[in-house]
Amino acid sequence: MILVFGCRQSQIDHIYKEETIQARNKGVFKELYTAYSREPGKPKKYVQDVLREQLSETVYKQLREEGGHIYVCGDVTMAGDVLKTVQQIFKLHGNMSLEDAGFYISKLRDENRYHEDIFGVTLRTYEVTNRLRSESIAYIEENKKDTDDVSSDRLESPRLILARRRTLRSVDYCRYSLWTGIAESQW
């Protein structure tokens, strides 16, 4: 297992520094990388920078060829940046388009191999959920056949709708997540 840990400053925010080093020394982590975004006298370094600059081939090989998992935990902005970086890694090493790389990340999610524990999004959940349900019902009503049977081939799946859209605003991203129970990438 490889751990990439990021925080602002090593002396202030890296509260489990000793524990992570001990875990590495005991063999729990094969490798341990740190990214400090506000380290005095040093340039900013983020988790996605470590993935791109130091672990690009490893990330691709583990996820694409060896059935590995990725766990992303942290702020919603960081998680989005990590997602975009992983997508770029698949594009680079897998000779994929960005769209295909996005589909592959969706596949990893479907296989429970891309995991996210994200904080920092505040939603009016009740309002968002109700509005989404209303829009879904309206869409289904508009697409009914004369016999009032809903034709599954006439309705586009949420995944297909998403695939066509290149960019999602945060609210759309969260609405889709609530609707399907699956957090999709922001293409």
Protein backbone atom coordinates (compact mmCIF):
# COMPACT_ATOMS: atom_id res chain seq x y z
CA MET A 1 0.00 0.00 0.00
CA ILE A 2 1.22 3.47 -0.91
CA LEU A 3 0.16 6.50 1.13
CA VAL A 4 0.24 10.01 -0.27
CA PHE A 5 -0.53 12.41 2.55
CA GLY A 6 -1.04 16.11 2.11
CA CYS A 7 -1.52 19.02 4.49
CA ARG A 8 -0.39 22.62 4.81
CA GLN A 9 2.72 22.45 7.02
CA SER A 10 4.73 19.51 8.29
CA GLN A 11 5.28 20.94 11.77
CA ILE A 12 1.73 22.15 12.36
CA ASP A 13 -0.75 20.06 10.38
CA HIS A 14 0.90 16.67 9.97
CA ILE A 15 -0.52 15.41 13.25
CA TYR A 16 0.01 11.71 12.49
CA LYS A 17 3.52 12.09 11.14
CA GLU A 18 5.13 9.75 13.67
CA GLU A 19 2.40 7.13 13.24
CA THR A 20 2.66 7.12 9.46
CA ILE A 21 6.44 6.80 9.62
CA GLN A 22 6.12 3.90 12.07
CA ALA A 23 3.57 2.25 9.79
CA ARG A 24 5.97 2.56 6.87
CA ASN A 25 8.84 1.18 8.95
CA LYS A 26 6.69 -1.81 9.96
CA GLY A 27 5.82 -2.50 6.33
CA VAL A 28 2.19 -1.39 6.49
CA PHE A 29 2.95 1.14 3.76
CA LYS A 30 5.24 0.12 0.95
CA GLU A 31 5.90 3.79 0.26
CA LEU A 32 5.02 7.05 2.00
CA TYR A 33 4.84 10.40 0.20
CA THR A 34 4.02 13.77 1.68
CA ALA A 35 2.81 16.96 0.06
CA TYR A 36 2.92 20.23 1.98
CA SER A 37 1.14 23.18 0.44
CA ARG A 38 2.33 25.90 2.82
CA GLU A 39 5.76 24.74 3.95
CA PRO A 40 7.89 27.82 4.75
CA GLY A 41 10.59 28.45 2.18
CA LYS A 42 9.38 25.73 -0.21
CA PRO A 43 7.11 25.76 -3.24
CA LYS A 44 3.54 24.53 -2.81
CA LYS A 45 3.12 20.81 -3.32
CA TYR A 46 -0.23 19.05 -3.44
CA VAL A 47 -1.25 15.39 -3.44
CA GLN A 48 -2.11 15.58 -7.13
CA ASP A 49 1.41 16.89 -7.82
CA VAL A 50 2.92 13.81 -6.15
CA LEU A 51 0.62 11.54 -8.17
CA ARG A 52 1.50 13.28 -11.43
CA GLU A 53 5.23 13.85 -10.86
CA GLN A 54 6.31 10.81 -8.86
CA LEU A 55 3.65 8.12 -9.11
CA SER A 56 2.11 8.49 -12.55
CA GLU A 57 3.22 5.11 -13.91
CA THR A 58 2.55 3.38 -10.59
CA VAL A 59 -1.00 4.76 -10.40
CA TYR A 60 -1.71 3.64 -13.96
CA LYS A 61 -0.21 0.20 -13.50
CA GLN A 62 -1.91 -0.45 -10.15
CA LEU A 63 -5.35 0.69 -11.25
CA ARG A 64 -5.37 -0.44 -14.86
CA GLU A 65 -3.27 -3.59 -14.85
CA GLU A 66 -3.12 -4.94 -11.30
CA GLY A 67 -6.63 -4.42 -9.96
CA GLY A 68 -5.58 -1.87 -7.34
CA HIS A 69 -7.75 0.54 -5.39
CA ILE A 70 -7.45 4.26 -4.76
CA TYR A 71 -8.79 5.97 -1.65
CA VAL A 72 -9.19 9.74 -1.74
CA CYS A 73 -10.05 11.44 1.51
CA GLY A 74 -10.21 15.17 2.09
CA ASP A 75 -11.54 18.46 0.86
CA VAL A 76 -13.84 18.52 -2.15
CA THR A 77 -11.44 20.73 -4.13
CA MET A 78 -8.50 18.39 -3.53
CA ALA A 79 -10.62 15.37 -4.42
CA GLY A 80 -11.64 16.99 -7.70
CA ASP A 81 -8.03 17.84 -8.50
CA VAL A 82 -6.93 14.27 -7.70
CA LEU A 83 -9.69 12.94 -9.93
CA LYS A 84 -8.59 15.16 -12.82
CA THR A 85 -4.99 14.07 -12.27
CA VAL A 86 -5.91 10.37 -12.33
CA GLN A 87 -7.90 11.03 -15.49
CA GLN A 88 -4.84 12.71 -17.07
CA ILE A 89 -2.68 9.75 -15.98
CA PHE A 90 -5.02 7.32 -17.77
CA LYS A 91 -5.00 9.55 -20.84
CA LEU A 92 -1.21 9.68 -20.88
CA HIS A 93 -0.32 6.07 -20.11
CA GLY A 94 -3.37 4.37 -21.58
CA ASN A 95 -3.52 6.32 -24.84
CA MET A 96 -7.11 7.23 -23.97
CA SER A 97 -9.15 10.30 -24.66
CA LEU A 98 -10.16 12.30 -21.60
CA GLU A 99 -13.69 11.02 -22.11
CA ASP A 100 -12.54 7.39 -22.16
CA ALA A 101 -10.41 8.02 -19.09
CA GLY A 102 -13.50 9.43 -17.37
CA PHE A 103 -15.47 6.33 -18.33
CA TYR A 104 -12.70 4.16 -16.94
CA ILE A 105 -12.83 6.02 -13.63
CA SER A 106 -16.60 5.43 -13.59
CA LYS A 107 -15.90 1.76 -14.14
CA LEU A 108 -13.46 1.78 -11.21
CA ARG A 109 -16.21 3.30 -9.07
CA ASP A 110 -18.69 0.67 -10.24
CA GLU A 111 -16.17 -2.01 -9.27
CA ASN A 112 -15.66 -0.31 -5.88
CA ARG A 113 -12.03 0.43 -6.65
CA TYR A 114 -12.17 4.25 -6.67
CA HIS A 115 -13.18 5.37 -3.20
CA GLU A 116 -13.85 8.90 -1.99
CA ASP A 117 -14.55 10.33 1.44
CA ILE A 118 -15.03 14.01 0.69
CA PHE A 119 -15.90 16.92 2.91
CA GLY A 120 -16.49 20.59 2.25
CA VAL A 121 -19.73 20.51 0.28
CA THR A 122 -22.72 22.02 2.01
CA LEU A 123 -26.02 21.36 0.31
CA ARG A 124 -29.62 21.98 1.00
CA THR A 125 -30.12 18.25 0.57
CA TYR A 126 -33.91 18.24 0.87
CA GLU A 127 -34.33 20.95 -1.77
CA VAL A 128 -31.78 19.45 -4.13
CA THR A 129 -33.24 15.95 -3.84
CA ASN A 130 -36.83 17.11 -4.34
CA ARG A 131 -35.92 19.28 -7.31
CA LEU A 132 -34.00 16.41 -8.88
CA ARG A 133 -36.91 14.02 -8.36
CA SER A 134 -39.31 16.54 -9.89
CA GLU A 135 -37.06 16.99 -12.91
CA SER A 136 -36.73 13.21 -13.28
CA ILE A 137 -40.48 12.67 -13.11
CA ALA A 138 -41.08 15.48 -15.61
CA TYR A 139 -38.51 13.95 -17.95
CA ILE A 140 -40.14 10.54 -17.72
CA GLU A 141 -43.59 12.05 -18.32
CA GLU A 142 -42.33 13.84 -21.43
CA ASN A 143 -40.88 10.62 -22.81
CA LYS A 144 -43.80 8.26 -22.25
CA LYS A 145 -45.23 6.38 -25.20
CA ASP A 146 -48.90 6.73 -26.12
CA THR A 147 -49.58 3.59 -24.09
CA ASP A 148 -48.12 5.30 -21.01
CA ASP A 149 -45.37 2.69 -20.84
CA VAL A 150 -41.95 4.13 -20.20
CA SER A 151 -39.61 2.96 -22.89
CA SER A 152 -36.16 2.32 -21.50
CA ASP A 153 -34.60 2.70 -24.92
CA ARG A 154 -36.05 6.20 -25.25
CA LEU A 155 -34.77 7.36 -21.88
CA GLU A 156 -31.15 8.20 -21.58
CA SER A 157 -29.30 6.88 -18.58
CA PRO A 158 -27.83 9.43 -16.18
CA ARG A 159 -24.39 8.12 -17.14
CA LEU A 160 -25.06 8.80 -20.83
CA ILE A 161 -26.30 12.28 -20.07
CA LEU A 162 -23.15 12.93 -18.05
CA ALA A 163 -20.86 11.55 -20.71
CA ARG A 164 -22.03 14.21 -23.13
CA ARG A 165 -21.30 17.05 -20.79
CA ARG A 166 -17.72 18.19 -20.62
CA THR A 167 -17.97 20.21 -17.43
CA LEU A 168 -20.25 19.96 -14.44
CA ARG A 169 -20.80 22.68 -11.92
CA SER A 170 -20.39 21.56 -8.32
CA VAL A 171 -24.13 21.59 -7.74
CA ASP A 172 -24.76 19.37 -10.77
CA TYR A 173 -22.03 17.02 -9.57
CA CYS A 174 -23.60 16.74 -6.13
CA ARG A 175 -27.14 16.45 -7.49
CA TYR A 176 -26.07 13.54 -9.67
CA SER A 177 -24.32 11.93 -6.72
CA LEU A 178 -27.47 12.15 -4.61
CA TRP A 179 -29.62 10.85 -7.44
CA THR A 180 -27.61 7.76 -8.29
CA GLY A 181 -25.69 7.17 -5.10
CA ILE A 182 -22.54 7.25 -7.17
CA ALA A 183 -20.26 10.27 -7.30
CA GLU A 184 -19.33 10.82 -10.93
CA SER A 185 -16.30 12.67 -12.18
CA GLN A 186 -16.47 16.29 -13.27
CA TRP A 187 -15.74 15.94 -16.99
